[in-house]
C-alpha atoms as a PDB file:
ATOM      1  CA  MET A   1       9.849   6.545 -40.019  1.00  0.00           C
ATOM      2  CA  ALA A   2      11.510   8.072 -37.477  1.00  0.00           C
ATOM      3  CA  ARG A   3      12.845   7.206 -33.954  1.00  0.00           C
ATOM      4  CA  ILE A   4      11.041   7.170 -30.482  1.00  0.00           C
ATOM      5  CA  LEU A   5      13.199   8.380 -27.620  1.00  0.00           C
ATOM      6  CA  SER A   6      12.546   7.786 -24.059  1.00  0.00           C
ATOM      7  CA  ILE A   7      13.804   9.440 -20.826  1.00  0.00           C
ATOM      8  CA  ASP A   8      13.843   8.199 -17.326  1.00  0.00           C
ATOM      9  CA  TYR A   9      13.906  11.565 -15.871  1.00  0.00           C
ATOM     10  CA  GLY A  10      15.842  11.959 -12.458  1.00  0.00           C
ATOM     11  CA  ALA A  11      16.882  14.887 -10.357  1.00  0.00           C
ATOM     12  CA  LYS A  12      20.597  14.351 -10.868  1.00  0.00           C
ATOM     13  CA  ARG A  13      20.706  12.203 -14.164  1.00  0.00           C
ATOM     14  CA  CYS A  14      18.497  10.870 -16.943  1.00  0.00           C
ATOM     15  CA  GLY A  15      18.563   7.844 -18.593  1.00  0.00           C
ATOM     16  CA  LEU A  16      17.777   7.871 -22.354  1.00  0.00           C
ATOM     17  CA  ALA A  17      16.845   4.963 -24.927  1.00  0.00           C
ATOM     18  CA  VAL A  18      15.787   4.866 -28.561  1.00  0.00           C
ATOM     19  CA  THR A  19      14.132   2.867 -31.041  1.00  0.00           C
ATOM     20  CA  ASP A  20      15.689   2.394 -34.683  1.00  0.00           C
ATOM     21  CA  PRO A  21      14.241   4.030 -37.521  1.00  0.00           C
ATOM     22  CA  LEU A  22      11.615   1.487 -37.700  1.00  0.00           C
ATOM     23  CA  GLN A  23      10.477   1.607 -34.192  1.00  0.00           C
ATOM     24  CA  ILE A  24      11.187  -2.137 -33.923  1.00  0.00           C
ATOM     25  CA  ILE A  25      14.400  -2.329 -31.630  1.00  0.00           C
ATOM     26  CA  VAL A  26      14.953  -0.484 -28.483  1.00  0.00           C
ATOM     27  CA  SER A  27      18.503   0.290 -27.305  1.00  0.00           C
ATOM     28  CA  GLY A  28      19.846   2.197 -24.336  1.00  0.00           C
ATOM     29  CA  LEU A  29      21.374   5.648 -25.538  1.00  0.00           C
ATOM     30  CA  GLU A  30      23.357   7.433 -23.078  1.00  0.00           C
ATOM     31  CA  THR A  31      23.025   8.461 -19.412  1.00  0.00           C
ATOM     32  CA  VAL A  32      23.137  12.554 -19.056  1.00  0.00           C
ATOM     33  CA  GLU A  33      23.096  14.707 -16.179  1.00  0.00           C
ATOM     34  CA  THR A  34      19.744  16.492 -15.987  1.00  0.00           C
ATOM     35  CA  LYS A  35      21.313  19.930 -16.138  1.00  0.00           C
ATOM     36  CA  VAL A  36      22.654  19.179 -19.527  1.00  0.00           C
ATOM     37  CA  LEU A  37      19.614  17.039 -21.017  1.00  0.00           C
ATOM     38  CA  MET A  38      17.920  19.762 -23.170  1.00  0.00           C
ATOM     39  CA  ALA A  39      21.372  20.638 -24.715  1.00  0.00           C
ATOM     40  CA  PHE A  40      21.983  16.886 -25.316  1.00  0.00           C
ATOM     41  CA  LEU A  41      18.431  16.705 -26.978  1.00  0.00           C
ATOM     42  CA  GLU A  42      19.310  19.544 -29.345  1.00  0.00           C
ATOM     43  CA  THR A  43      22.321  18.113 -30.489  1.00  0.00           C
ATOM     44  CA  TYR A  44      20.843  14.427 -30.923  1.00  0.00           C
ATOM     45  CA  LEU A  45      17.741  15.856 -32.632  1.00  0.00           C
ATOM     46  CA  GLN A  46      19.860  17.732 -35.241  1.00  0.00           C
ATOM     47  CA  GLN A  47      21.688  14.410 -35.961  1.00  0.00           C
ATOM     48  CA  GLU A  48      18.742  11.957 -35.761  1.00  0.00           C
ATOM     49  CA  SER A  49      15.140  12.111 -37.041  1.00  0.00           C
ATOM     50  CA  VAL A  50      12.944  11.541 -33.745  1.00  0.00           C
ATOM     51  CA  GLU A  51       9.217  11.865 -34.014  1.00  0.00           C
ATOM     52  CA  LYS A  52       8.375  11.312 -30.459  1.00  0.00           C
ATOM     53  CA  ILE A  53       9.600  11.729 -26.785  1.00  0.00           C
ATOM     54  CA  VAL A  54       8.203   9.506 -24.173  1.00  0.00           C
ATOM     55  CA  ILE A  55       8.954  10.810 -20.690  1.00  0.00           C
ATOM     56  CA  GLY A  56       8.625   8.395 -17.699  1.00  0.00           C
ATOM     57  CA  LEU A  57       6.421   9.573 -15.117  1.00  0.00           C
ATOM     58  CA  PRO A  58       7.244   8.541 -11.579  1.00  0.00           C
ATOM     59  CA  VAL A  59       4.202   7.225  -9.655  1.00  0.00           C
ATOM     60  CA  HIS A  60       4.267   5.883  -6.181  1.00  0.00           C
ATOM     61  CA  THR A  61       2.474   2.286  -5.253  1.00  0.00           C
ATOM     62  CA  ASP A  62      -0.774   4.448  -4.094  1.00  0.00           C
ATOM     63  CA  GLY A  63      -1.107   5.824  -7.462  1.00  0.00           C
ATOM     64  CA  ASN A  64       0.262   9.403  -6.636  1.00  0.00           C
ATOM     65  CA  PHE A  65       3.163  11.176  -8.455  1.00  0.00           C
ATOM     66  CA  THR A  66       6.273  11.830  -7.039  1.00  0.00           C
ATOM     67  CA  TYR A  67       8.031  14.669  -6.230  1.00  0.00           C
ATOM     68  CA  LEU A  68       9.529  14.840  -9.708  1.00  0.00           C
ATOM     69  CA  LYS A  69       6.120  15.638 -11.407  1.00  0.00           C
ATOM     70  CA  SER A  70       6.324  19.250 -11.643  1.00  0.00           C
ATOM     71  CA  ASP A  71       9.902  19.122 -12.867  1.00  0.00           C
ATOM     72  CA  ILE A  72       8.926  16.616 -15.470  1.00  0.00           C
ATOM     73  CA  ASP A  73       6.085  18.900 -16.391  1.00  0.00           C
ATOM     74  CA  ALA A  74       8.177  21.905 -16.925  1.00  0.00           C
ATOM     75  CA  PHE A  75      10.761  20.023 -18.935  1.00  0.00           C
ATOM     76  CA  ALA A  76       7.752  18.665 -21.307  1.00  0.00           C
ATOM     77  CA  ILE A  77       6.542  22.116 -21.676  1.00  0.00           C
ATOM     78  CA  ALA A  78      10.200  23.443 -22.533  1.00  0.00           C
ATOM     79  CA  CYS A  79      10.561  20.513 -25.135  1.00  0.00           C
ATOM     80  CA  LYS A  80       7.240  21.219 -26.846  1.00  0.00           C
ATOM     81  CA  LYS A  81       8.404  25.077 -27.219  1.00  0.00           C
ATOM     82  CA  LYS A  82      11.951  23.731 -28.415  1.00  0.00           C
ATOM     83  CA  PHE A  83      10.733  20.928 -30.591  1.00  0.00           C
ATOM     84  CA  PRO A  84       7.329  21.750 -31.952  1.00  0.00           C
ATOM     85  CA  ASN A  85       7.427  18.965 -34.599  1.00  0.00           C
ATOM     86  CA  VAL A  86       8.156  16.016 -31.875  1.00  0.00           C
ATOM     87  CA  VAL A  87       5.390  14.561 -30.073  1.00  0.00           C
ATOM     88  CA  ILE A  88       5.728  14.501 -26.368  1.00  0.00           C
ATOM     89  CA  ASP A  89       4.220  11.794 -24.425  1.00  0.00           C
ATOM     90  CA  PHE A  90       4.186  10.061 -21.042  1.00  0.00           C
ATOM     91  CA  ALA A  91       4.477   6.465 -19.594  1.00  0.00           C
ATOM     92  CA  ASP A  92       4.171   5.217 -16.538  1.00  0.00           C
ATOM     93  CA  GLU A  93       7.673   4.204 -15.069  1.00  0.00           C
ATOM     94  CA  GLN A  94       6.459   2.408 -12.086  1.00  0.00           C
ATOM     95  CA  PHE A  95       9.222  -0.240 -11.122  1.00  0.00           C
ATOM     96  CA  SER A  96      11.216   0.533 -14.045  1.00  0.00           C
ATOM     97  CA  SER A  97      14.547   0.676 -11.969  1.00  0.00           C
ATOM     98  CA  VAL A  98      13.475  -2.605 -10.111  1.00  0.00           C
ATOM     99  CA  HIS A  99      13.139  -4.090 -13.359  1.00  0.00           C
ATOM    100  CA  ALA A 100      16.365  -2.614 -14.908  1.00  0.00           C
ATOM    101  CA  LYS A 101      18.325  -3.966 -12.006  1.00  0.00           C
ATOM    102  CA  ARG A 102      17.082  -7.496 -12.276  1.00  0.00           C
ATOM    103  CA  ILE A 103      17.731  -7.417 -16.057  1.00  0.00           C
ATOM    104  CA  ILE A 104      21.442  -6.273 -15.236  1.00  0.00           C
ATOM    105  CA  ILE A 105      21.852  -8.975 -12.628  1.00  0.00           C
ATOM    106  CA  GLU A 106      20.314 -11.698 -15.164  1.00  0.00           C
ATOM    107  CA  SER A 107      22.669 -10.589 -17.900  1.00  0.00           C
ATOM    108  CA  GLY A 108      25.669 -11.630 -15.912  1.00  0.00           C
ATOM    109  CA  ILE A 109      27.279  -8.284 -15.530  1.00  0.00           C
ATOM    110  CA  LYS A 110      29.864  -8.319 -12.995  1.00  0.00           C
ATOM    111  CA  LYS A 111      29.260  -6.739  -9.423  1.00  0.00           C
ATOM    112  CA  LYS A 112      31.414  -3.597 -10.044  1.00  0.00           C
ATOM    113  CA  LYS A 113      29.738  -2.737 -12.985  1.00  0.00           C
ATOM    114  CA  ARG A 114      26.130  -3.349 -11.699  1.00  0.00           C
ATOM    115  CA  GLN A 115      26.744  -0.597  -9.146  1.00  0.00           C
ATOM    116  CA  ASP A 116      27.006   2.045 -12.047  1.00  0.00           C
ATOM    117  CA  LYS A 117      23.798   4.081 -11.433  1.00  0.00           C
ATOM    118  CA  SER A 118      24.052   5.567 -14.967  1.00  0.00           C
ATOM    119  CA  LEU A 119      23.653   1.815 -16.396  1.00  0.00           C
ATOM    120  CA  VAL A 120      20.442   1.423 -14.350  1.00  0.00           C
ATOM    121  CA  ASP A 121      19.183   4.699 -15.487  1.00  0.00           C
ATOM    122  CA  ARG A 122      19.849   3.847 -19.161  1.00  0.00           C
ATOM    123  CA  ILE A 123      18.290   0.340 -18.926  1.00  0.00           C
ATOM    124  CA  SER A 124      15.274   1.964 -17.091  1.00  0.00           C
ATOM    125  CA  ALA A 125      14.649   4.077 -20.012  1.00  0.00           C
ATOM    126  CA  VAL A 126      14.939   0.842 -22.248  1.00  0.00           C
ATOM    127  CA  VAL A 127      12.292  -0.554 -19.947  1.00  0.00           C
ATOM    128  CA  ILE A 128      10.063   2.418 -20.336  1.00  0.00           C
ATOM    129  CA  LEU A 129      10.232   2.553 -23.967  1.00  0.00           C
ATOM    130  CA  GLN A 130       9.555  -1.209 -24.583  1.00  0.00           C
ATOM    131  CA  ARG A 131       6.602  -0.938 -22.220  1.00  0.00           C
ATOM    132  CA  TYR A 132       5.268   2.076 -24.384  1.00  0.00           C
ATOM    133  CA  LEU A 133       5.929   0.263 -27.520  1.00  0.00           C
ATOM    134  CA  ASN A 134       3.988  -2.795 -26.355  1.00  0.00           C
ATOM    135  CA  HIS A 135       0.939  -0.528 -25.490  1.00  0.00           C
ATOM    136  CA  ILE A 136       0.716   1.616 -28.680  1.00  0.00           C
END
């Protein structure tokens, strides 16, 4: 089997999480600037076997997509062209950042480290992927 990678896509930064090759354990991978995300994925996919990329879709509580939807759609199209053997899928990321912040607080991480937004992005990607795995 190959890994599944998730992306918490943001305007400035993207949090990434990945499963182990057996798709049992989800771990935070990295937080990268959005402008270098595709280059990061190229390098990572050359080193690791990834069968699927799951991109979080930001949805408002009223069910409408946020302003990032068009950027995410364009990114997904670019991924399909660049990585034709990798399945691109989507998952609702509603409240993933809230859940990530709660996880970070409950884990006992010190306040200064909790203010690191890249950590929230990475844990949000873990939340998105864990939810996705629970639904497939």
